[in-house]
Amino acid sequence: MPRELLKVTIKSATSIEKAQLLAVGLFSDTKPSEQLYKHLNEKLDGAIDQLKKLGDFDGKKGRTAVLYSGGKIKADRLLLVGLGESKDASYETLRQAVCKAAKEAVGLKVSNAAMFLHSLFDEKKFDAEQIGRIIAEAVHFGIYKYDEFITSEKNGRPAAVDITIVEPKEQTLKKISAGIKIGDVIGQTQNFARTLANRPANMIYPAELAEIAKRTARQTAGLSCTILNESQLKIKKMGGILAVGSGSEHRPCMIVLKYNPGKAVNKKPLGLVGKAVCFDSGGLSIKPAQNMDEMKMDMSGGAAVLASMQAIAKLKLPVRVFAVICAVENIPSATSYRPGDIITTYSGKTVEVQNTDAEGRLILADGLHYAKQLGCEPMIDIATLTGACMVALGTYKAGLMGNNEKLIEQIKQASQQSGEPVWHLPCGDEYLEEMKSKIADLKNIGTRNGGACTGASFIGEFADKTPWAHIDMAPVTQACEPMKKFADPHSRGFGVRLFVQYVINMVK
């Protein structure tokens, strides 16, 4: 049996009774006369001054230092976390600092910790509720460690960690507490997506992902789940998902989740469509062996959609949302689809297969058309679609494309608020020309140039005139190098915060 992941409990209080660790944030230009600095420095007999004098702590972003209190404060250890220069302070500064502190807490094997990382942020510039939400999200993100299948207990990691967010002012505490409730849900569900993506393909395959989705729906008020199995996919003539899944003993399925609150701000449901290729070998157009193990994460879009639906329902947001998750394995065998095959998608459009490793767009073609049949408007799909997007953007931002400028701007706004970065790339008629076949309506691959844009343009054909956006999350599936300093190096669970923020904005 896999080991249970670390459990986190977050609460807020005006002070701490006793903690194994107290994390405090300091800007690099924090003056010794500042009240917090002065108080802690005096309590610890000038230890912070000494650290700075020795150059062991300068307050720059990402820098930390641990001081042992010897009983002089109500914590065994004081963790100083650098915030950088105060003039550059932002919500992301706080998010990264909390992530770093949470990761350090796990490293120090503490089972309870207190955090006072927001104290120097200007209350006039930073909303207290937003601060609470970000802290809670960041605690979950930073404290996460994927070690389900490590059987050794020698690392001494606690089974659970209790985190107290300290805020002395009662009025501010109320607002922060309200934010913590929201951030706690989002943080938990983002880690749920991370765990799904991190699990190996022999543990997560289409039928198992479907079972997890059904269980999630049963355990989440307001959420329902329907599974279209292979037989039902054949009846509906979903040729895209059937072709991609034809080579594996794990048969393809489509997971449909619906959240229907009593009173909703939208008449037509928002549609979220996720690519869930539980393992992608490339099919007969097989990938190189190097890093193929990471192809278990080709279901990250589906994981993000499932976790987002759970968060939206748990937060009881008054927005109708339907989700379609296309779950397959892309495996070579005697029954695999082949380069040169022509398949008929659910929409009736035909596609010439020129490369079986361009499979995500084929399953999304069926998923988007099904979401459109359900009456969804707008529709947003998310997928680890192209390596080309990573070449274009590095590992720092997801690609964002679509057919509706208003929707694109709304997603960009949600991106800025959620801290999950996207970059708008073009798609449209000129790119679609490359995807036209001489023997079918479309082909599934274009030239080497602009691969993220041609892939998105192909998918857009199945959205037709319905407002639609596509998020190519291939660049941000895993923690990039700078992020590894304050987070687990595997899945980021990208998309959960972005989608939930987008839905929250629909309510405003």
Protein backbone atom coordinates (compact mmCIF):
# COMPACT_ATOMS: atom_id res chain seq x y z
CA MET A 1 0.00 0.00 0.00
CA PRO A 2 1.31 3.49 -0.76
CA ARG A 3 2.30 5.61 2.17
CA GLU A 4 -0.07 8.42 3.17
CA LEU A 5 1.03 11.87 2.06
CA LEU A 6 1.78 14.50 4.65
CA LYS A 7 -1.38 16.05 6.09
CA VAL A 8 -1.58 19.76 6.83
CA THR A 9 -3.89 21.64 9.18
CA ILE A 10 -3.94 25.44 8.96
CA LYS A 11 -5.45 27.77 11.55
CA SER A 12 -5.04 31.42 12.53
CA ALA A 13 -4.48 33.06 15.91
CA THR A 14 -3.48 36.37 17.48
CA SER A 15 -0.43 34.74 19.11
CA ILE A 16 1.32 31.41 19.58
CA GLU A 17 1.39 29.33 22.71
CA LYS A 18 4.33 27.14 21.76
CA ALA A 19 5.77 26.08 18.41
CA GLN A 20 8.69 24.02 17.18
CA LEU A 21 9.30 26.66 14.52
CA LEU A 22 8.37 30.31 14.05
CA ALA A 23 8.87 31.67 10.51
CA VAL A 24 9.27 35.44 10.17
CA GLY A 25 9.77 37.44 6.97
CA LEU A 26 12.28 40.30 6.73
CA PHE A 27 12.99 42.58 3.79
CA SER A 28 16.61 43.12 2.83
CA ASP A 29 16.19 46.80 3.74
CA THR A 30 14.43 46.15 7.07
CA LYS A 31 15.96 48.52 9.61
CA PRO A 32 17.07 47.28 13.06
CA SER A 33 14.73 49.91 14.54
CA GLU A 34 11.69 48.21 12.94
CA GLN A 35 9.48 46.90 15.74
CA LEU A 36 9.47 43.21 14.79
CA TYR A 37 13.19 43.10 14.08
CA LYS A 38 13.99 44.96 17.29
CA HIS A 39 11.74 42.74 19.43
CA LEU A 40 13.15 39.45 18.14
CA ASN A 41 16.73 40.67 18.13
CA GLU A 42 16.48 41.78 21.77
CA LYS A 43 14.79 38.54 22.83
CA LEU A 44 17.59 36.55 21.20
CA ASP A 45 20.38 38.72 22.63
CA GLY A 46 21.35 40.36 19.34
CA ALA A 47 21.52 37.11 17.35
CA ILE A 48 19.89 38.61 14.24
CA ASP A 49 22.38 41.49 14.23
CA GLN A 50 25.16 38.96 14.50
CA LEU A 51 23.82 36.92 11.57
CA LYS A 52 23.69 40.02 9.38
CA LYS A 53 27.13 41.12 10.47
CA LEU A 54 28.57 37.72 9.54
CA GLY A 55 26.77 37.84 6.19
CA ASP A 56 24.79 34.68 6.96
CA PHE A 57 21.45 36.41 6.33
CA ASP A 58 20.86 39.45 4.13
CA GLY A 59 17.10 39.33 3.59
CA LYS A 60 17.34 38.67 -0.14
CA LYS A 61 14.61 36.58 -1.76
CA GLY A 62 15.00 32.88 -1.10
CA ARG A 63 17.55 33.31 1.69
CA THR A 64 16.84 31.71 5.04
CA ALA A 65 18.55 31.30 8.40
CA VAL A 66 17.64 29.24 11.46
CA LEU A 67 18.24 30.44 15.00
CA TYR A 68 17.70 28.24 18.06
CA SER A 69 15.90 30.18 20.76
CA GLY A 70 17.02 28.41 23.91
CA GLY A 71 13.57 29.12 25.34
CA LYS A 72 13.86 32.91 24.92
CA ILE A 73 10.80 33.04 22.61
CA LYS A 74 7.72 30.79 22.34
CA ALA A 75 9.32 28.68 19.62
CA ASP A 76 12.24 26.26 19.61
CA ARG A 77 13.54 27.71 16.35
CA LEU A 78 13.25 31.03 14.58
CA LEU A 79 13.32 30.78 10.79
CA LEU A 80 14.20 34.06 9.09
CA VAL A 81 12.96 34.24 5.49
CA GLY A 82 14.24 36.85 3.04
CA LEU A 83 11.62 38.92 1.19
CA GLY A 84 13.93 41.00 -1.00
CA GLU A 85 13.61 44.78 -1.22
CA SER A 86 10.44 46.27 0.22
CA LYS A 87 9.81 48.38 -2.90
CA ASP A 88 9.48 45.18 -4.93
CA ALA A 89 7.03 43.53 -2.51
CA SER A 90 4.13 41.71 -4.19
CA TYR A 91 1.70 38.91 -3.47
CA GLU A 92 4.13 36.59 -5.26
CA THR A 93 6.87 37.69 -2.87
CA LEU A 94 4.70 36.46 -0.02
CA ARG A 95 3.73 33.25 -1.85
CA GLN A 96 7.35 32.29 -2.45
CA ALA A 97 8.37 33.15 1.11
CA VAL A 98 5.62 30.98 2.60
CA CYS A 99 6.46 28.12 0.22
CA LYS A 100 10.10 28.36 1.29
CA ALA A 101 9.20 28.40 4.98
CA ALA A 102 6.86 25.41 4.57
CA LYS A 103 9.51 23.42 2.72
CA GLU A 104 12.08 24.26 5.43
CA ALA A 105 9.61 23.11 8.09
CA VAL A 106 9.35 19.70 6.40
CA GLY A 107 13.13 19.55 6.12
CA LEU A 108 13.46 20.25 9.83
CA LYS A 109 10.87 17.51 10.53
CA VAL A 110 8.69 19.70 12.73
CA SER A 111 5.10 18.71 13.43
CA ASN A 112 3.88 22.23 14.30
CA ALA A 113 4.96 25.64 13.12
CA ALA A 114 3.82 29.25 13.33
CA MET A 115 4.16 31.81 10.52
CA PHE A 116 4.35 35.57 10.74
CA LEU A 117 5.61 36.21 7.23
CA HIS A 118 3.14 38.90 6.19
CA SER A 119 3.72 41.33 9.05
CA LEU A 120 5.87 43.83 7.13
CA PHE A 121 3.53 44.04 4.12
CA ASP A 122 1.76 47.41 3.89
CA GLU A 123 -1.89 46.94 4.89
CA LYS A 124 -2.90 49.79 2.57
CA LYS A 125 -1.46 48.04 -0.49
CA PHE A 126 -2.23 44.41 0.31
CA ASP A 127 -5.69 43.03 0.96
CA ALA A 128 -5.79 40.97 4.16
CA GLU A 129 -8.18 38.33 2.80
CA GLN A 130 -6.00 37.84 -0.27
CA ILE A 131 -2.98 37.53 2.01
CA GLY A 132 -4.72 34.78 3.98
CA ARG A 133 -5.65 32.92 0.82
CA ILE A 134 -2.13 33.11 -0.62
CA ILE A 135 -0.55 31.98 2.65
CA ALA A 136 -2.83 28.92 2.83
CA GLU A 137 -2.23 28.01 -0.82
CA ALA A 138 1.51 28.44 -0.37
CA VAL A 139 1.66 26.39 2.82
CA HIS A 140 0.12 23.44 0.98
CA PHE A 141 2.33 23.97 -2.05
CA GLY A 142 5.58 24.28 -0.11
CA ILE A 143 4.95 21.54 2.41
CA TYR A 144 4.01 18.95 -0.23
CA LYS A 145 6.47 16.12 -0.67
CA TYR A 146 5.75 13.24 -3.02
CA ASP A 147 6.95 10.17 -1.14
CA GLU A 148 3.94 7.83 -1.37
CA PHE A 149 6.03 4.82 -2.34
CA ILE A 150 9.04 5.32 -0.08
CA THR A 151 8.78 2.51 2.47
CA SER A 152 11.73 3.51 4.64
CA GLU A 153 10.83 5.47 7.76
CA LYS A 154 14.41 6.65 8.33
CA ASN A 155 13.75 10.16 7.13
CA GLY A 156 11.57 10.74 10.20
CA ARG A 157 9.02 12.88 8.36
CA PRO A 158 5.98 13.54 10.54
CA ALA A 159 2.64 12.22 9.32
CA ALA A 160 1.03 15.63 9.82
CA VAL A 161 1.98 19.26 10.37
CA ASP A 162 -0.09 21.91 12.14
CA ILE A 163 0.46 25.46 10.88
CA THR A 164 -0.67 28.56 12.76
CA ILE A 165 -0.83 31.88 10.90
CA VAL A 166 -0.18 34.62 13.45
CA GLU A 167 -1.87 38.02 13.22
CA PRO A 168 -2.07 40.15 16.41
CA LYS A 169 -4.79 42.53 15.13
CA GLU A 170 -8.28 41.08 15.62
CA GLN A 171 -9.88 42.87 12.66
CA THR A 172 -7.09 41.89 10.29
CA LEU A 173 -7.20 38.34 11.66
CA LYS A 174 -10.87 38.00 10.66
CA LYS A 175 -10.09 38.94 7.07
CA ILE A 176 -7.02 36.71 6.94
CA SER A 177 -9.03 33.82 8.39
CA ALA A 178 -11.65 34.23 5.66
CA GLY A 179 -8.89 34.04 3.04
CA ILE A 180 -7.35 31.00 4.70
CA LYS A 181 -10.62 29.08 4.30
CA ILE A 182 -10.56 29.67 0.55
CA GLY A 183 -6.83 29.07 0.17
CA ASP A 184 -7.00 25.89 2.23
CA VAL A 185 -9.46 24.35 -0.26
CA ILE A 186 -7.48 25.49 -3.29
CA GLY A 187 -4.18 24.34 -1.80
CA GLN A 188 -5.53 20.90 -0.95
CA THR A 189 -7.05 20.39 -4.39
CA GLN A 190 -3.92 21.60 -6.17
CA ASN A 191 -1.94 18.99 -4.23
CA PHE A 192 -4.57 16.42 -5.24
CA ALA A 193 -3.79 17.25 -8.89
CA ARG A 194 -0.05 17.00 -8.16
CA THR A 195 -0.43 13.58 -6.61
CA LEU A 196 -2.48 12.28 -9.55
CA ALA A 197 0.16 13.51 -12.00
CA ASN A 198 3.05 12.17 -9.90
CA ARG A 199 1.66 8.65 -9.55
CA PRO A 200 3.10 6.11 -12.00
CA ALA A 201 1.11 4.80 -14.95
CA ASN A 202 0.71 1.36 -13.39
CA MET A 203 -1.26 3.12 -10.61
CA ILE A 204 -3.12 5.71 -12.70
CA TYR A 205 -4.67 4.45 -15.95
CA PRO A 206 -7.98 5.44 -17.59
CA ALA A 207 -10.28 3.15 -15.58
CA GLU A 208 -8.54 4.05 -12.30
CA LEU A 209 -8.74 7.78 -13.06
CA ALA A 210 -12.45 7.29 -13.75
CA GLU A 211 -12.88 5.54 -10.37
CA ILE A 212 -11.07 8.40 -8.61
CA ALA A 213 -13.34 10.91 -10.38
CA LYS A 214 -16.46 8.99 -9.31
CA ARG A 215 -15.21 8.78 -5.73
CA THR A 216 -14.37 12.48 -5.73
CA ALA A 217 -17.89 13.31 -6.93
CA ARG A 218 -19.48 11.08 -4.28
CA GLN A 219 -17.47 12.82 -1.57
CA THR A 220 -18.10 16.37 -2.85
CA ALA A 221 -21.54 17.94 -2.44
CA GLY A 222 -22.97 19.31 -5.68
CA LEU A 223 -20.64 17.34 -7.95
CA SER A 224 -21.82 14.50 -10.21
CA CYS A 225 -19.85 12.17 -12.44
CA THR A 226 -20.68 10.07 -15.51
CA ILE A 227 -18.25 7.77 -17.32
CA LEU A 228 -18.53 6.99 -21.03
CA ASN A 229 -16.80 3.64 -21.47
CA GLU A 230 -15.35 2.29 -24.71
CA SER A 231 -18.65 0.82 -25.87
CA GLN A 232 -20.42 4.14 -25.36
CA LEU A 233 -17.60 5.99 -27.14
CA LYS A 234 -18.08 3.64 -30.12
CA ILE A 235 -21.83 4.26 -30.16
CA LYS A 236 -21.18 8.02 -30.23
CA LYS A 237 -18.46 7.52 -32.89
CA MET A 238 -15.75 9.33 -30.95
CA GLY A 239 -13.02 8.32 -33.37
CA GLY A 240 -10.30 10.54 -31.92
CA ILE A 241 -10.22 9.13 -28.40
CA LEU A 242 -10.87 5.58 -29.67
CA ALA A 243 -7.95 5.73 -32.10
CA VAL A 244 -5.45 7.03 -29.55
CA GLY A 245 -6.53 4.46 -26.98
CA SER A 246 -6.63 1.53 -29.40
CA GLY A 247 -3.20 0.12 -28.58
CA SER A 248 -3.47 -0.27 -24.81
CA GLU A 249 -5.01 -2.99 -22.68
CA HIS A 250 -6.30 -0.11 -20.54
CA ARG A 251 -9.28 0.97 -22.59
CA PRO A 252 -10.12 4.64 -23.14
CA CYS A 253 -12.96 6.45 -21.44
CA MET A 254 -14.44 9.91 -21.13
CA ILE A 255 -15.06 11.35 -17.66
CA VAL A 256 -17.88 13.90 -17.45
CA LEU A 257 -18.27 15.96 -14.28
CA LYS A 258 -21.09 18.42 -13.64
CA TYR A 259 -21.43 21.09 -10.99
CA ASN A 260 -24.93 22.58 -10.93
CA PRO A 261 -25.44 25.00 -8.01
CA GLY A 262 -29.00 26.02 -7.12
CA LYS A 263 -28.55 29.61 -8.25
CA ALA A 264 -25.92 30.28 -10.87
CA VAL A 265 -24.68 33.52 -12.42
CA ASN A 266 -24.37 31.85 -15.84
CA LYS A 267 -27.13 30.29 -17.94
CA LYS A 268 -24.79 28.30 -20.17
CA PRO A 269 -22.28 26.16 -18.26
CA LEU A 270 -18.58 26.92 -18.40
CA GLY A 271 -16.84 23.98 -20.05
CA LEU A 272 -13.44 22.72 -18.87
CA VAL A 273 -11.81 20.07 -21.06
CA GLY A 274 -8.71 18.18 -19.95
CA LYS A 275 -6.22 15.95 -21.73
CA ALA A 276 -5.53 12.84 -19.65
CA VAL A 277 -3.07 10.63 -21.52
CA CYS A 278 -2.17 8.48 -18.55
CA PHE A 279 0.98 7.35 -20.31
CA ASP A 280 2.27 8.58 -23.63
CA SER A 281 4.90 6.43 -25.30
CA GLY A 282 4.20 8.23 -28.56
CA GLY A 283 2.41 5.17 -29.92
CA LEU A 284 3.98 3.73 -33.08
CA SER A 285 5.77 7.08 -33.56
CA ILE A 286 7.59 6.14 -30.38
CA LYS A 287 9.41 8.69 -28.25
CA PRO A 288 13.12 8.44 -27.34
CA ALA A 289 13.77 6.40 -24.20
CA GLN A 290 15.36 9.32 -22.35
CA ASN A 291 12.84 10.98 -19.99
CA MET A 292 10.00 8.76 -21.21
CA ASP A 293 9.27 8.03 -17.55
CA GLU A 294 7.96 11.61 -17.29
CA MET A 295 5.22 10.78 -19.77
CA LYS A 296 3.10 9.58 -16.85
CA MET A 297 2.47 13.32 -16.43
CA ASP A 298 0.76 13.62 -19.81
CA MET A 299 -2.51 13.42 -17.88
CA SER A 300 -1.77 16.65 -15.99
CA GLY A 301 -4.46 18.61 -17.83
CA GLY A 302 -7.10 16.09 -16.83
CA ALA A 303 -5.82 16.09 -13.25
CA ALA A 304 -6.06 19.89 -13.13
CA VAL A 305 -9.64 19.81 -14.40
CA LEU A 306 -10.73 17.14 -11.90
CA ALA A 307 -9.12 18.96 -8.97
CA SER A 308 -10.57 22.30 -10.10
CA MET A 309 -14.07 20.85 -10.19
CA GLN A 310 -13.61 19.59 -6.65
CA ALA A 311 -12.43 23.03 -5.47
CA ILE A 312 -15.25 24.90 -7.25
CA ALA A 313 -17.85 22.61 -5.67
CA LYS A 314 -16.27 22.75 -2.20
CA LEU A 315 -16.22 26.55 -2.34
CA LYS A 316 -19.89 26.48 -3.40
CA LEU A 317 -19.28 29.02 -6.15
CA PRO A 318 -22.56 29.99 -7.89
CA VAL A 319 -21.36 29.10 -11.38
CA ARG A 320 -22.48 26.15 -13.54
CA VAL A 321 -19.39 24.23 -14.65
CA PHE A 322 -19.18 21.05 -16.72
CA ALA A 323 -15.93 19.17 -17.23
CA VAL A 324 -14.89 16.66 -19.87
CA ILE A 325 -11.74 14.60 -19.27
CA CYS A 326 -10.50 12.38 -22.09
CA ALA A 327 -8.57 9.47 -20.56
CA VAL A 328 -6.39 7.16 -22.67
CA GLU A 329 -3.01 5.47 -22.89
CA ASN A 330 -0.99 5.95 -26.08
CA ILE A 331 0.84 2.63 -26.40
CA PRO A 332 2.28 0.74 -29.42
CA SER A 333 0.82 -2.70 -30.10
CA ALA A 334 -0.70 -4.79 -32.88
CA THR A 335 -3.96 -2.88 -32.42
CA SER A 336 -2.50 0.65 -32.34
CA TYR A 337 -3.56 3.32 -34.76
CA ARG A 338 -0.94 4.01 -37.40
CA PRO A 339 0.64 6.89 -39.30
CA GLY A 340 -1.38 7.18 -42.50
CA ASP A 341 -4.68 6.19 -40.88
CA ILE A 342 -7.70 8.43 -41.45
CA ILE A 343 -10.05 8.72 -38.48
CA THR A 344 -13.47 10.29 -38.17
CA THR A 345 -13.88 12.41 -35.06
CA TYR A 346 -17.07 12.86 -33.03
CA SER A 347 -17.80 16.09 -34.93
CA GLY A 348 -17.72 14.24 -38.28
CA LYS A 349 -14.48 15.93 -39.38
CA THR A 350 -11.87 13.53 -40.75
CA VAL A 351 -8.21 13.59 -39.75
CA GLU A 352 -5.19 12.08 -41.48
CA VAL A 353 -2.80 10.74 -38.83
CA GLN A 354 0.74 11.64 -39.78
CA ASN A 355 2.28 11.16 -36.34
CA THR A 356 0.78 9.09 -33.54
CA ASP A 357 2.69 11.20 -31.00
CA ALA A 358 0.45 14.17 -31.84
CA GLU A 359 -2.34 12.43 -29.98
CA GLY A 360 -3.55 15.04 -27.49
CA ARG A 361 -5.27 17.15 -30.15
CA LEU A 362 -7.16 14.08 -31.37
CA ILE A 363 -8.73 13.31 -28.01
CA LEU A 364 -9.40 17.00 -27.32
CA ALA A 365 -11.20 17.21 -30.66
CA ASP A 366 -13.79 14.75 -29.33
CA GLY A 367 -13.77 16.30 -25.85
CA LEU A 368 -14.41 19.83 -27.08
CA HIS A 369 -17.17 18.78 -29.43
CA TYR A 370 -18.84 16.83 -26.63
CA ALA A 371 -18.61 19.87 -24.31
CA LYS A 372 -20.19 21.94 -27.09
CA GLN A 373 -23.00 19.36 -27.36
CA LEU A 374 -23.57 19.78 -23.62
CA GLY A 375 -24.18 23.48 -24.24
CA CYS A 376 -20.95 24.77 -22.69
CA GLU A 377 -19.98 28.37 -23.41
CA PRO A 378 -17.23 29.41 -23.09
CA MET A 379 -14.94 26.38 -23.26
CA ILE A 380 -11.36 26.18 -21.99
CA ASP A 381 -9.13 23.19 -22.61
CA ILE A 382 -5.85 22.47 -20.85
CA ALA A 383 -3.23 20.02 -22.05
CA THR A 384 0.42 19.08 -22.03
CA LEU A 385 0.15 19.49 -25.78
CA THR A 386 3.48 20.40 -27.38
CA GLY A 387 7.20 20.43 -26.73
CA ALA A 388 7.16 23.38 -29.13
CA CYS A 389 5.48 25.51 -26.46
CA MET A 390 8.37 24.77 -24.12
CA VAL A 391 10.85 25.76 -26.82
CA ALA A 392 8.94 29.03 -27.26
CA LEU A 393 8.41 29.94 -23.60
CA GLY A 394 10.94 27.99 -21.58
CA THR A 395 9.64 26.48 -18.35
CA TYR A 396 8.14 29.62 -16.85
CA LYS A 397 4.77 30.24 -18.52
CA ALA A 398 1.99 28.24 -20.15
CA GLY A 399 0.90 29.10 -23.68
CA LEU A 400 -2.54 30.68 -24.04
CA MET A 401 -4.39 30.70 -27.36
CA GLY A 402 -8.01 31.01 -28.43
CA ASN A 403 -10.68 32.51 -30.67
CA ASN A 404 -12.15 35.13 -28.32
CA GLU A 405 -10.25 38.19 -27.12
CA LYS A 406 -12.56 38.84 -24.17
CA LEU A 407 -12.04 35.29 -22.88
CA ILE A 408 -8.27 35.56 -23.40
CA GLU A 409 -8.16 38.77 -21.34
CA GLN A 410 -10.25 37.19 -18.57
CA ILE A 411 -7.84 34.25 -18.36
CA LYS A 412 -4.86 36.60 -18.33
CA GLN A 413 -6.41 38.51 -15.43
CA ALA A 414 -7.03 35.25 -13.52
CA SER A 415 -3.45 34.25 -14.27
CA GLN A 416 -2.06 37.42 -12.69
CA GLN A 417 -4.28 37.03 -9.63
CA SER A 418 -3.59 33.33 -9.12
CA GLY A 419 0.15 33.44 -9.70
CA GLU A 420 -0.06 30.80 -12.45
CA PRO A 421 1.55 32.55 -15.44
CA VAL A 422 0.37 32.33 -19.05
CA TRP A 423 1.56 34.02 -22.22
CA HIS A 424 -0.73 34.80 -25.12
CA LEU A 425 0.39 33.17 -28.39
CA PRO A 426 -1.32 33.44 -31.78
CA CYS A 427 -3.45 30.87 -33.54
CA GLY A 428 -5.91 31.09 -36.41
CA ASP A 429 -6.39 30.73 -40.14
CA GLU A 430 -2.77 31.12 -41.26
CA TYR A 431 -1.65 28.40 -38.83
CA LEU A 432 -4.64 26.22 -39.69
CA GLU A 433 -3.52 26.15 -43.33
CA GLU A 434 -0.59 23.98 -42.23
CA MET A 435 -3.02 21.50 -40.67
CA LYS A 436 -5.08 20.87 -43.81
CA SER A 437 -4.70 17.48 -45.46
CA LYS A 438 -4.91 16.62 -49.13
CA ILE A 439 -6.80 13.40 -48.39
CA ALA A 440 -8.88 14.36 -45.31
CA ASP A 441 -10.29 17.50 -43.70
CA LEU A 442 -7.25 17.90 -41.44
CA LYS A 443 -3.94 16.28 -40.58
CA ASN A 444 -2.68 16.03 -37.03
CA ILE A 445 0.73 17.63 -37.43
CA GLY A 446 2.20 20.63 -39.26
CA THR A 447 5.76 21.76 -39.90
CA ARG A 448 8.38 22.20 -37.18
CA ASN A 449 7.71 25.92 -37.02
CA GLY A 450 5.11 27.29 -34.60
CA GLY A 451 4.06 23.86 -33.37
CA ALA A 452 2.18 25.19 -30.35
CA CYS A 453 0.20 27.56 -32.59
CA THR A 454 -0.64 24.99 -35.27
CA GLY A 455 -1.68 22.48 -32.58
CA ALA A 456 -4.00 25.02 -31.00
CA SER A 457 -5.43 25.97 -34.40
CA PHE A 458 -6.25 22.30 -35.04
CA ILE A 459 -8.10 22.06 -31.71
CA GLY A 460 -9.91 25.34 -32.39
CA GLU A 461 -11.61 23.78 -35.42
CA PHE A 462 -13.66 21.67 -33.02
CA ALA A 463 -14.70 24.64 -30.90
CA ASP A 464 -15.96 26.25 -34.11
CA LYS A 465 -17.63 29.59 -33.24
CA THR A 466 -18.07 28.88 -29.51
CA PRO A 467 -15.83 31.17 -27.41
CA TRP A 468 -12.83 28.97 -26.63
CA ALA A 469 -9.36 29.15 -25.13
CA HIS A 470 -6.54 26.60 -25.10
CA ILE A 471 -3.85 26.38 -22.42
CA ASP A 472 -0.72 24.49 -23.43
CA MET A 473 0.71 23.63 -20.02
CA ALA A 474 3.64 21.55 -21.28
CA PRO A 475 6.20 24.17 -20.12
CA VAL A 476 4.85 24.33 -16.56
CA THR A 477 3.97 20.73 -15.78
CA GLN A 478 6.89 20.32 -13.39
CA ALA A 479 8.60 22.76 -11.05
CA CYS A 480 11.18 24.77 -13.00
CA GLU A 481 14.70 25.27 -11.66
CA PRO A 482 14.09 28.46 -9.60
CA MET A 483 10.90 26.93 -8.16
CA LYS A 484 12.77 23.86 -6.89
CA LYS A 485 14.28 26.06 -4.18
CA PHE A 486 10.93 26.29 -2.45
CA ALA A 487 8.84 23.39 -3.79
CA ASP A 488 8.84 19.67 -4.54
CA PRO A 489 10.54 19.17 -7.94
CA HIS A 490 7.75 17.11 -9.50
CA SER A 491 4.24 18.12 -10.62
CA ARG A 492 3.10 21.70 -10.00
CA GLY A 493 -0.61 20.96 -10.29
CA PHE A 494 -0.72 23.89 -12.69
CA GLY A 495 -4.16 25.11 -13.70
CA VAL A 496 -6.09 24.57 -10.48
CA ARG A 497 -5.49 28.04 -9.02
CA LEU A 498 -5.99 29.58 -12.46
CA PHE A 499 -9.35 27.89 -13.11
CA VAL A 500 -10.70 28.54 -9.62
CA GLN A 501 -9.73 32.21 -9.85
CA TYR A 502 -11.38 32.47 -13.25
CA VAL A 503 -14.62 31.07 -11.80
CA ILE A 504 -14.38 33.36 -8.74
CA ASN A 505 -14.08 36.31 -11.13
CA MET A 506 -17.26 35.21 -12.91
CA VAL A 507 -19.15 35.76 -9.64
CA LYS A 508 -17.86 39.31 -9.14
